[in-house]
Amino acid sequence: MSPSTRITPGLLTATALLLSAVVHAEGIQREDRIKAALVFKLVKFVEWPASALSGNMPLQLCAYGNSGVAEALAAADGKPARDRTARFRKLDSLAANDIKGCHVLFVAGGTRELLNGVPPALRPRGTGLLTVSDHPEFARRGGMIGLAQGENKVTFEINLRTAREGGLEPGASLLELATIVD
């Protein structure tokens, strides 16, 4: 995949419209709402291990750090996600006890924990935790999905090795739209 691979304008528009009610919150910048919609949309294209999403448990969307993306994700609480209901939880730390139970974890790009790379807590093996951030080097430093804002478009990178080590399998349609990093 080339670095110029990006979400098509049609997909971006459809994603934004699909979740406009979910992320329609006053005071949140458009870019943050689009990123939150993209994070929410990504869950449709990732396969979790059966042990991570058993029965009819809700899909836990967690967020750490202060950002508009995290605020916009909070609006997804109670909305349908895959064949489940999304539940949002704001984390106070990246400690293992706080992360436990999360299926998707968004980490704000400006958090101090990401200054020196992706901490080991965000690279759990085989647990089925999808990690996403808008830190510019997140996927390249060992996170799973890194979001970036370019000229009127949101792009994303996937660290396929890290995702698979975490027990997740990004779908082919998601991989076609991403820049793959390792």
Protein backbone atom coordinates (compact mmCIF):
# COMPACT_ATOMS: atom_id res chain seq x y z
CA MET A 1 0.00 0.00 0.00
CA SER A 2 1.29 3.44 -0.81
CA PRO A 3 1.38 6.30 1.71
CA SER A 4 -1.14 8.13 -0.47
CA THR A 5 -3.83 5.49 0.16
CA ARG A 6 -6.68 7.21 1.98
CA ILE A 7 -10.33 7.00 2.70
CA THR A 8 -12.31 7.91 -0.40
CA PRO A 9 -14.45 11.03 -0.18
CA GLY A 10 -17.59 8.91 -0.59
CA LEU A 11 -16.70 6.61 2.30
CA LEU A 12 -15.74 9.55 4.48
CA THR A 13 -19.03 11.31 3.71
CA ALA A 14 -21.03 8.13 4.33
CA THR A 15 -19.21 7.54 7.61
CA ALA A 16 -19.81 11.10 8.75
CA LEU A 17 -23.50 10.96 7.81
CA LEU A 18 -23.98 7.53 9.38
CA LEU A 19 -22.74 8.76 12.70
CA SER A 20 -23.74 12.39 12.55
CA ALA A 21 -26.38 11.81 15.21
CA VAL A 22 -23.89 9.88 17.32
CA VAL A 23 -21.20 12.52 17.23
CA HIS A 24 -23.37 15.64 16.93
CA ALA A 25 -22.13 17.50 19.98
CA GLU A 26 -21.73 21.23 20.33
CA GLY A 27 -18.25 22.57 20.76
CA ILE A 28 -16.47 19.61 19.17
CA GLN A 29 -14.48 20.41 16.07
CA ARG A 30 -15.52 18.81 12.79
CA GLU A 31 -12.17 17.01 12.48
CA ASP A 32 -12.65 15.39 15.90
CA ARG A 33 -16.21 14.34 15.04
CA ILE A 34 -15.00 12.73 11.81
CA LYS A 35 -12.20 10.90 13.62
CA ALA A 36 -14.67 9.62 16.23
CA ALA A 37 -17.02 8.46 13.48
CA LEU A 38 -14.14 6.66 11.83
CA VAL A 39 -13.14 4.93 15.07
CA PHE A 40 -16.74 3.80 15.54
CA LYS A 41 -16.93 2.63 11.92
CA LEU A 42 -13.68 0.63 12.19
CA VAL A 43 -15.29 -1.90 14.53
CA LYS A 44 -17.32 -3.23 11.60
CA PHE A 45 -14.14 -4.25 9.80
CA VAL A 46 -12.19 -5.94 12.58
CA GLU A 47 -12.60 -9.51 13.80
CA TRP A 48 -12.12 -10.09 17.52
CA PRO A 49 -11.24 -13.43 19.08
CA ALA A 50 -14.31 -15.28 20.40
CA SER A 51 -12.94 -15.02 23.94
CA ALA A 52 -12.88 -11.19 23.75
CA LEU A 53 -16.49 -10.75 22.60
CA SER A 54 -18.44 -13.63 24.02
CA GLY A 55 -22.21 -13.92 24.31
CA ASN A 56 -24.11 -10.70 23.94
CA MET A 57 -21.72 -8.51 25.94
CA PRO A 58 -21.61 -4.87 24.86
CA LEU A 59 -18.74 -3.52 22.79
CA GLN A 60 -16.72 -1.37 25.20
CA LEU A 61 -15.41 1.85 23.62
CA CYS A 62 -12.87 3.38 25.97
CA ALA A 63 -10.98 6.66 25.73
CA TYR A 64 -8.00 8.07 27.54
CA GLY A 65 -6.84 11.68 27.49
CA ASN A 66 -8.54 14.97 26.88
CA SER A 67 -9.57 15.45 23.28
CA GLY A 68 -12.55 16.28 21.15
CA VAL A 69 -12.37 12.79 19.65
CA ALA A 70 -12.88 11.22 23.07
CA GLU A 71 -15.78 13.60 23.76
CA ALA A 72 -17.39 12.72 20.43
CA LEU A 73 -16.94 8.98 21.07
CA ALA A 74 -18.93 9.35 24.30
CA ALA A 75 -22.02 10.03 22.18
CA ALA A 76 -21.79 6.46 20.82
CA ASP A 77 -22.86 5.05 24.18
CA GLY A 78 -25.96 2.90 23.68
CA LYS A 79 -25.74 2.89 19.88
CA PRO A 80 -25.65 -0.35 17.86
CA ALA A 81 -22.15 -1.55 16.94
CA ARG A 82 -21.93 -4.73 14.90
CA ASP A 83 -24.45 -7.06 16.53
CA ARG A 84 -23.96 -5.46 19.94
CA THR A 85 -24.58 -2.28 21.85
CA ALA A 86 -21.69 0.16 22.27
CA ARG A 87 -20.82 1.28 25.78
CA PHE A 88 -18.48 4.20 26.33
CA ARG A 89 -16.08 4.52 29.25
CA LYS A 90 -13.61 7.33 29.97
CA LEU A 91 -10.42 6.02 31.56
CA ASP A 92 -8.46 7.73 34.32
CA SER A 93 -5.23 5.90 33.50
CA LEU A 94 -3.68 3.35 31.19
CA ALA A 95 -3.19 0.86 34.03
CA ALA A 96 -4.13 -2.74 33.24
CA ASN A 97 -7.06 -2.62 35.69
CA ASP A 98 -8.53 0.43 33.96
CA ILE A 99 -8.08 -1.01 30.46
CA LYS A 100 -9.60 -4.36 31.41
CA GLY A 101 -12.87 -4.97 29.58
CA CYS A 102 -12.18 -2.47 26.79
CA HIS A 103 -12.53 -3.70 23.21
CA VAL A 104 -11.56 -0.41 21.55
CA LEU A 105 -9.26 2.07 23.22
CA PHE A 106 -8.76 5.55 21.79
CA VAL A 107 -5.75 7.36 23.25
CA ALA A 108 -5.57 11.10 22.62
CA GLY A 109 -2.46 11.99 20.67
CA GLY A 110 -1.32 14.66 23.11
CA THR A 111 -1.12 12.45 26.19
CA ARG A 112 2.24 12.35 27.92
CA GLU A 113 2.18 8.54 27.96
CA LEU A 114 2.77 8.58 24.18
CA LEU A 115 5.74 10.97 24.26
CA ASN A 116 8.31 8.17 24.37
CA GLY A 117 6.49 5.65 22.21
CA VAL A 118 3.58 3.30 22.77
CA PRO A 119 3.62 1.90 26.31
CA PRO A 120 3.51 -1.90 26.76
CA ALA A 121 0.01 -1.67 28.28
CA LEU A 122 -1.24 -0.64 24.83
CA ARG A 123 0.31 -3.69 23.16
CA PRO A 124 -1.38 -6.58 24.99
CA ARG A 125 -0.93 -9.93 23.27
CA GLY A 126 -4.00 -11.95 22.39
CA THR A 127 -6.47 -9.87 24.40
CA GLY A 128 -8.51 -8.43 21.56
CA LEU A 129 -7.93 -4.78 22.49
CA LEU A 130 -8.00 -2.53 19.41
CA THR A 131 -5.84 0.53 20.08
CA VAL A 132 -6.36 3.74 18.11
CA SER A 133 -4.79 7.18 18.44
CA ASP A 134 -4.38 10.40 16.54
CA HIS A 135 -0.75 10.66 17.62
CA PRO A 136 1.25 11.12 14.39
CA GLU A 137 3.56 8.10 14.99
CA PHE A 138 1.18 5.81 16.89
CA ALA A 139 1.02 2.88 14.45
CA ARG A 140 4.69 3.18 13.51
CA ARG A 141 5.68 3.00 17.19
CA GLY A 142 3.68 -0.15 17.92
CA GLY A 143 0.06 0.97 18.27
CA MET A 144 -2.56 -0.63 16.02
CA ILE A 145 -4.33 2.17 14.16
CA GLY A 146 -3.06 5.71 13.80
CA LEU A 147 -5.38 8.44 12.52
CA ALA A 148 -4.08 11.48 10.68
CA GLN A 149 -5.65 14.63 9.32
CA GLY A 150 -4.42 15.75 5.92
CA GLU A 151 -5.72 18.25 3.44
CA ASN A 152 -9.49 17.83 3.94
CA LYS A 153 -9.18 14.11 4.55
CA VAL A 154 -8.63 11.68 7.37
CA THR A 155 -6.13 8.94 6.66
CA PHE A 156 -5.08 6.02 8.79
CA GLU A 157 -2.23 3.62 9.24
CA ILE A 158 -2.49 0.06 10.50
CA ASN A 159 0.30 -1.83 12.18
CA LEU A 160 -0.83 -5.26 11.01
CA ARG A 161 1.75 -7.14 13.07
CA THR A 162 0.66 -5.44 16.30
CA ALA A 163 -3.03 -6.01 15.51
CA ARG A 164 -2.50 -9.71 14.88
CA GLU A 165 -0.35 -10.09 17.99
CA GLY A 166 -3.28 -8.58 19.88
CA GLY A 167 -5.57 -11.29 18.52
CA LEU A 168 -7.34 -9.04 16.02
CA GLU A 169 -7.79 -9.48 12.28
CA PRO A 170 -8.48 -6.33 10.27
CA GLY A 171 -10.71 -7.11 7.28
CA ALA A 172 -9.49 -6.89 3.71
CA SER A 173 -11.69 -3.88 2.93
CA LEU A 174 -10.13 -1.98 5.84
CA LEU A 175 -6.61 -2.93 4.76
CA GLU A 176 -7.31 -1.66 1.23
CA LEU A 177 -7.99 1.82 2.60
CA ALA A 178 -5.07 1.94 5.04
CA THR A 179 -1.38 2.49 4.84
CA ILE A 180 0.19 -0.67 6.30
CA VAL A 181 3.16 -0.05 8.63
CA ASP A 182 5.28 -2.41 10.66
